[in-house]
C-alpha cells in the first residue's frame, strides 16, 4: 500500500472523528433546551426515512410493488409486530402480489 493511500485513510479518519468529538467538547456540562433535544431525537428517523423512501419507489418497474411492500411493513410495525415479523410479512405480501399480478 502506498504512502498516499495511508495518509488518505488517516485524513479521512480525522475528518470523520472531529465532527463526532466536537459536541462532547463544546457542550460538556451544558443542558440543551427541550426543543433541541426533541429535534435531535428525531434525526435518526428522518435520516432513515430519507434513505428508504427512494428505494421504495424504485425497487421495481411497477411502483405499486414498492408502495404495497412499504404499506405492509408500516401496518405491521404500527400494530406493534416484532422486526422479523414486519420484514417477513412484507416479503410474504410482495410474494403473493408478484404471483397474482405478474
N, C-alpha and C. Protein backbone atom coordinates (compact mmCIF):
# COMPACT_ATOMS: atom_id res chain seq x y z
N UNK A 1 0.87 -1.17 0.00
CA UNK A 1 0.00 0.00 0.00
C UNK A 1 0.90 1.22 0.00
N UNK A 2 0.62 2.17 -0.88
CA UNK A 2 1.47 3.35 -0.99
C UNK A 2 1.20 4.32 0.16
N UNK A 3 2.16 5.21 0.37
CA UNK A 3 2.03 6.16 1.48
C UNK A 3 0.90 7.16 1.23
N UNK A 4 0.58 7.42 -0.04
CA UNK A 4 -0.54 8.32 -0.33
C UNK A 4 -1.85 7.75 0.21
N UNK A 5 -2.05 6.46 0.02
CA UNK A 5 -3.28 5.83 0.48
C UNK A 5 -3.34 5.82 2.00
N UNK A 6 -2.21 5.55 2.65
CA UNK A 6 -2.18 5.55 4.11
C UNK A 6 -2.53 6.93 4.65
N UNK A 7 -1.92 7.97 4.08
CA UNK A 7 -2.23 9.34 4.53
C UNK A 7 -3.68 9.71 4.24
N UNK A 8 -4.22 9.21 3.14
CA UNK A 8 -5.62 9.49 2.82
C UNK A 8 -6.54 8.84 3.85
N UNK A 9 -6.22 7.60 4.24
CA UNK A 9 -7.04 6.91 5.25
C UNK A 9 -6.94 7.64 6.58
N UNK A 10 -5.76 8.06 6.97
CA UNK A 10 -5.59 8.81 8.22
C UNK A 10 -6.37 10.12 8.16
N UNK A 11 -6.29 10.83 7.04
CA UNK A 11 -7.04 12.09 6.88
C UNK A 11 -8.54 11.88 6.95
N UNK A 12 -9.04 10.82 6.31
CA UNK A 12 -10.48 10.56 6.36
C UNK A 12 -10.92 10.19 7.77
N UNK A 13 -10.04 9.49 8.49
CA UNK A 13 -10.36 9.17 9.89
C UNK A 13 -10.46 10.41 10.75
N UNK A 14 -9.55 11.34 10.56
CA UNK A 14 -9.58 12.59 11.32
C UNK A 14 -10.82 13.40 10.97
N UNK A 15 -11.11 13.51 9.68
CA UNK A 15 -12.27 14.29 9.24
C UNK A 15 -13.57 13.67 9.75
N UNK A 16 -13.61 12.36 9.89
CA UNK A 16 -14.80 11.69 10.42
C UNK A 16 -14.89 11.83 11.93
N UNK A 17 -13.75 11.78 12.62
CA UNK A 17 -13.75 11.79 14.08
C UNK A 17 -14.03 13.18 14.66
N UNK A 18 -13.52 14.22 14.04
CA UNK A 18 -13.67 15.58 14.60
C UNK A 18 -15.13 16.02 14.76
N UNK A 19 -16.00 15.84 13.77
CA UNK A 19 -17.40 16.25 14.00
C UNK A 19 -18.10 15.44 15.09
N UNK A 20 -17.64 14.24 15.37
CA UNK A 20 -18.24 13.45 16.44
C UNK A 20 -17.70 13.87 17.80
N UNK A 21 -16.47 14.36 17.83
CA UNK A 21 -15.85 14.78 19.08
C UNK A 21 -16.29 16.19 19.48
N UNK A 22 -16.53 17.05 18.51
CA UNK A 22 -16.83 18.46 18.79
C UNK A 22 -18.02 18.66 19.74
N UNK A 23 -19.15 17.99 19.59
CA UNK A 23 -20.25 18.22 20.54
C UNK A 23 -19.89 17.85 21.98
N UNK A 24 -19.08 16.83 22.16
CA UNK A 24 -18.68 16.46 23.51
C UNK A 24 -17.84 17.55 24.17
N UNK A 25 -17.01 18.20 23.38
CA UNK A 25 -16.16 19.26 23.92
C UNK A 25 -16.95 20.55 24.10
N UNK A 26 -17.76 20.91 23.11
CA UNK A 26 -18.48 22.19 23.15
C UNK A 26 -19.63 22.21 24.16
N UNK A 27 -20.30 21.07 24.35
CA UNK A 27 -21.48 21.05 25.21
C UNK A 27 -21.26 20.31 26.53
N UNK A 28 -20.02 20.18 26.94
CA UNK A 28 -19.72 19.49 28.19
C UNK A 28 -20.32 20.25 29.37
N UNK A 29 -21.15 19.58 30.14
CA UNK A 29 -21.75 20.18 31.33
C UNK A 29 -22.92 21.12 31.04
N UNK A 30 -23.34 21.23 29.79
CA UNK A 30 -24.45 22.12 29.43
C UNK A 30 -25.68 21.29 29.09
N UNK A 31 -26.83 21.81 29.45
CA UNK A 31 -28.10 21.15 29.14
C UNK A 31 -28.72 21.84 27.93
N UNK A 32 -29.07 21.06 26.93
CA UNK A 32 -29.71 21.62 25.74
C UNK A 32 -31.18 21.90 26.05
N UNK A 33 -31.76 22.91 25.40
CA UNK A 33 -33.19 23.18 25.58
C UNK A 33 -34.03 21.97 25.14
N UNK A 34 -35.19 21.78 25.74
CA UNK A 34 -36.03 20.62 25.40
C UNK A 34 -36.40 20.54 23.91
N UNK A 35 -36.60 21.70 23.28
CA UNK A 35 -36.94 21.69 21.85
C UNK A 35 -35.80 21.10 21.03
N UNK A 36 -34.58 21.51 21.31
CA UNK A 36 -33.41 21.00 20.58
C UNK A 36 -33.23 19.50 20.85
N UNK A 37 -33.46 19.08 22.09
CA UNK A 37 -33.37 17.65 22.40
C UNK A 37 -34.40 16.85 21.61
N UNK A 38 -35.62 17.40 21.48
CA UNK A 38 -36.66 16.73 20.70
C UNK A 38 -36.30 16.62 19.24
N UNK A 39 -35.72 17.69 18.70
CA UNK A 39 -35.30 17.67 17.30
C UNK A 39 -34.20 16.63 17.09
N UNK A 40 -33.21 16.62 17.97
CA UNK A 40 -32.10 15.69 17.82
C UNK A 40 -32.53 14.23 18.00
N UNK A 41 -33.54 13.99 18.80
CA UNK A 41 -34.03 12.62 18.97
C UNK A 41 -34.71 12.11 17.71
N UNK A 42 -35.24 13.01 16.87
CA UNK A 42 -35.94 12.60 15.66
C UNK A 42 -35.05 12.54 14.43
N UNK A 43 -33.81 12.98 14.53
CA UNK A 43 -32.91 12.97 13.38
C UNK A 43 -32.69 11.55 12.83
N UNK A 44 -32.46 10.53 13.65
CA UNK A 44 -32.26 9.19 13.06
C UNK A 44 -33.47 8.70 12.26
N UNK A 45 -34.67 9.00 12.72
CA UNK A 45 -35.86 8.57 11.99
C UNK A 45 -35.99 9.31 10.66
N UNK A 46 -35.67 10.58 10.65
CA UNK A 46 -35.73 11.36 9.41
C UNK A 46 -34.68 10.87 8.42
N UNK A 47 -33.49 10.59 8.91
CA UNK A 47 -32.43 10.10 8.02
C UNK A 47 -32.80 8.73 7.46
N UNK A 48 -33.34 7.86 8.30
CA UNK A 48 -33.75 6.54 7.83
C UNK A 48 -34.85 6.65 6.78
N UNK A 49 -35.81 7.53 7.00
CA UNK A 49 -36.86 7.73 6.01
C UNK A 49 -36.32 8.26 4.70
N UNK A 50 -35.36 9.17 4.78
CA UNK A 50 -34.77 9.72 3.56
C UNK A 50 -33.96 8.68 2.80
N UNK A 51 -33.41 7.71 3.50
CA UNK A 51 -32.66 6.65 2.83
C UNK A 51 -33.58 5.58 2.24
N UNK A 52 -34.67 5.28 2.91
CA UNK A 52 -35.54 4.19 2.47
C UNK A 52 -36.53 4.61 1.39
N UNK A 53 -37.09 5.80 1.47
CA UNK A 53 -38.18 6.19 0.57
C UNK A 53 -37.81 6.12 -0.92
N UNK A 54 -36.64 6.60 -1.36
CA UNK A 54 -36.33 6.47 -2.79
C UNK A 54 -36.27 5.01 -3.24
N UNK A 55 -35.80 4.12 -2.37
CA UNK A 55 -35.74 2.71 -2.72
C UNK A 55 -37.12 2.10 -2.86
N UNK A 56 -38.06 2.58 -2.07
CA UNK A 56 -39.44 2.08 -2.16
C UNK A 56 -40.02 2.40 -3.53
N UNK A 57 -39.72 3.57 -4.05
CA UNK A 57 -40.28 3.97 -5.33
C UNK A 57 -39.55 3.38 -6.53
N UNK A 58 -38.32 2.93 -6.34
CA UNK A 58 -37.54 2.46 -7.49
C UNK A 58 -37.15 0.99 -7.40
N UNK A 59 -37.77 0.21 -6.52
CA UNK A 59 -37.39 -1.19 -6.36
C UNK A 59 -37.80 -2.05 -7.55
N UNK A 60 -38.84 -1.65 -8.24
CA UNK A 60 -39.38 -2.45 -9.34
C UNK A 60 -39.96 -1.48 -10.37
N UNK A 61 -40.16 -1.98 -11.59
CA UNK A 61 -40.79 -1.14 -12.61
C UNK A 61 -42.22 -0.77 -12.21
N UNK A 62 -42.88 -1.66 -11.53
CA UNK A 62 -44.24 -1.42 -11.04
C UNK A 62 -44.14 -0.67 -9.70
N UNK A 63 -44.55 0.59 -9.68
CA UNK A 63 -44.43 1.41 -8.47
C UNK A 63 -45.28 0.88 -7.33
N UNK A 64 -46.37 0.17 -7.67
CA UNK A 64 -47.25 -0.38 -6.63
C UNK A 64 -46.56 -1.48 -5.84
N UNK A 65 -45.58 -2.13 -6.45
CA UNK A 65 -44.83 -3.17 -5.76
C UNK A 65 -44.14 -2.60 -4.52
N UNK A 66 -43.43 -1.51 -4.68
CA UNK A 66 -42.75 -0.89 -3.55
C UNK A 66 -43.71 -0.28 -2.56
N UNK A 67 -44.75 0.38 -3.06
CA UNK A 67 -45.71 1.01 -2.16
C UNK A 67 -46.49 -0.02 -1.35
N UNK A 68 -46.82 -1.15 -1.96
CA UNK A 68 -47.53 -2.20 -1.23
C UNK A 68 -46.64 -2.82 -0.15
N UNK A 69 -45.38 -3.05 -0.49
CA UNK A 69 -44.46 -3.60 0.49
C UNK A 69 -44.25 -2.65 1.66
N UNK A 70 -44.11 -1.35 1.36
CA UNK A 70 -43.95 -0.36 2.43
C UNK A 70 -45.21 -0.26 3.28
N UNK A 71 -46.38 -0.32 2.65
CA UNK A 71 -47.64 -0.25 3.39
C UNK A 71 -47.79 -1.46 4.32
N UNK A 72 -47.41 -2.63 3.83
CA UNK A 72 -47.49 -3.83 4.66
C UNK A 72 -46.53 -3.73 5.84
N UNK A 73 -45.32 -3.23 5.60
CA UNK A 73 -44.34 -3.09 6.68
C UNK A 73 -44.79 -2.04 7.68
N UNK A 74 -45.28 -0.90 7.20
CA UNK A 74 -45.75 0.16 8.11
C UNK A 74 -46.93 -0.33 8.95
N UNK A 75 -47.85 -1.06 8.33
CA UNK A 75 -49.02 -1.56 9.06
C UNK A 75 -48.60 -2.54 10.15
N UNK A 76 -47.73 -3.47 9.81
CA UNK A 76 -47.28 -4.45 10.81
C UNK A 76 -46.51 -3.76 11.93
N UNK A 77 -45.68 -2.79 11.59
CA UNK A 77 -44.92 -2.07 12.61
C UNK A 77 -45.84 -1.24 13.49
N UNK A 78 -46.85 -0.63 12.89
CA UNK A 78 -47.79 0.18 13.66
C UNK A 78 -48.58 -0.67 14.65
N UNK A 79 -48.87 -1.90 14.26
CA UNK A 79 -49.60 -2.81 15.13
C UNK A 79 -48.70 -3.41 16.23
N UNK A 80 -47.43 -3.08 16.20
CA UNK A 80 -46.51 -3.50 17.25
C UNK A 80 -45.81 -4.82 17.01
N UNK A 81 -45.74 -5.24 15.78
CA UNK A 81 -45.11 -6.52 15.48
C UNK A 81 -43.59 -6.42 15.67
N UNK A 82 -42.99 -7.57 15.92
CA UNK A 82 -41.55 -7.69 16.02
C UNK A 82 -40.91 -7.35 14.66
N UNK A 83 -39.65 -6.94 14.67
CA UNK A 83 -38.97 -6.56 13.43
C UNK A 83 -38.96 -7.70 12.43
N UNK A 84 -38.71 -8.91 12.89
CA UNK A 84 -38.69 -10.05 11.97
C UNK A 84 -40.07 -10.30 11.37
N UNK A 85 -41.11 -10.10 12.14
CA UNK A 85 -42.47 -10.27 11.63
C UNK A 85 -42.77 -9.20 10.58
N UNK A 86 -42.30 -7.99 10.82
CA UNK A 86 -42.50 -6.90 9.84
C UNK A 86 -41.83 -7.25 8.52
N UNK A 87 -40.59 -7.68 8.59
CA UNK A 87 -39.83 -7.99 7.36
C UNK A 87 -40.44 -9.19 6.64
N UNK A 88 -40.68 -10.27 7.38
CA UNK A 88 -41.22 -11.48 6.75
C UNK A 88 -42.64 -11.24 6.23
N UNK A 89 -43.43 -10.46 6.96
CA UNK A 89 -44.78 -10.14 6.49
C UNK A 89 -44.76 -9.33 5.21
N UNK A 90 -43.86 -8.38 5.13
CA UNK A 90 -43.76 -7.58 3.91
C UNK A 90 -43.30 -8.43 2.73
N UNK A 91 -42.35 -9.31 2.98
CA UNK A 91 -41.90 -10.22 1.93
C UNK A 91 -43.03 -11.14 1.48
N UNK A 92 -43.82 -11.63 2.42
CA UNK A 92 -44.94 -12.51 2.08
C UNK A 92 -45.98 -11.79 1.24
N UNK A 93 -46.30 -10.55 1.63
CA UNK A 93 -47.28 -9.77 0.86
C UNK A 93 -46.76 -9.53 -0.56
N UNK A 94 -45.49 -9.21 -0.69
CA UNK A 94 -44.95 -8.95 -2.03
C UNK A 94 -44.83 -10.23 -2.85
N UNK A 95 -44.59 -11.33 -2.19
CA UNK A 95 -44.56 -12.61 -2.92
C UNK A 95 -45.93 -12.94 -3.47
N UNK A 96 -46.95 -12.78 -2.64
CA UNK A 96 -48.33 -13.01 -3.11
C UNK A 96 -48.69 -12.08 -4.24
N UNK A 97 -48.32 -10.81 -4.10
CA UNK A 97 -48.62 -9.81 -5.14
C UNK A 97 -47.93 -10.18 -6.45
N UNK A 98 -46.67 -10.61 -6.38
CA UNK A 98 -45.97 -10.93 -7.62
C UNK A 98 -46.53 -12.19 -8.27
N UNK A 99 -47.01 -13.16 -7.49
CA UNK A 99 -47.62 -14.35 -8.08
C UNK A 99 -48.99 -14.04 -8.68
N UNK A 100 -49.75 -13.15 -8.04
CA UNK A 100 -51.11 -12.88 -8.51
C UNK A 100 -51.16 -11.90 -9.69
N UNK A 101 -50.28 -10.90 -9.69
CA UNK A 101 -50.41 -9.81 -10.67
C UNK A 101 -49.25 -9.70 -11.64
N UNK A 102 -48.37 -10.67 -11.65
CA UNK A 102 -47.24 -10.57 -12.59
C UNK A 102 -47.18 -11.76 -13.48
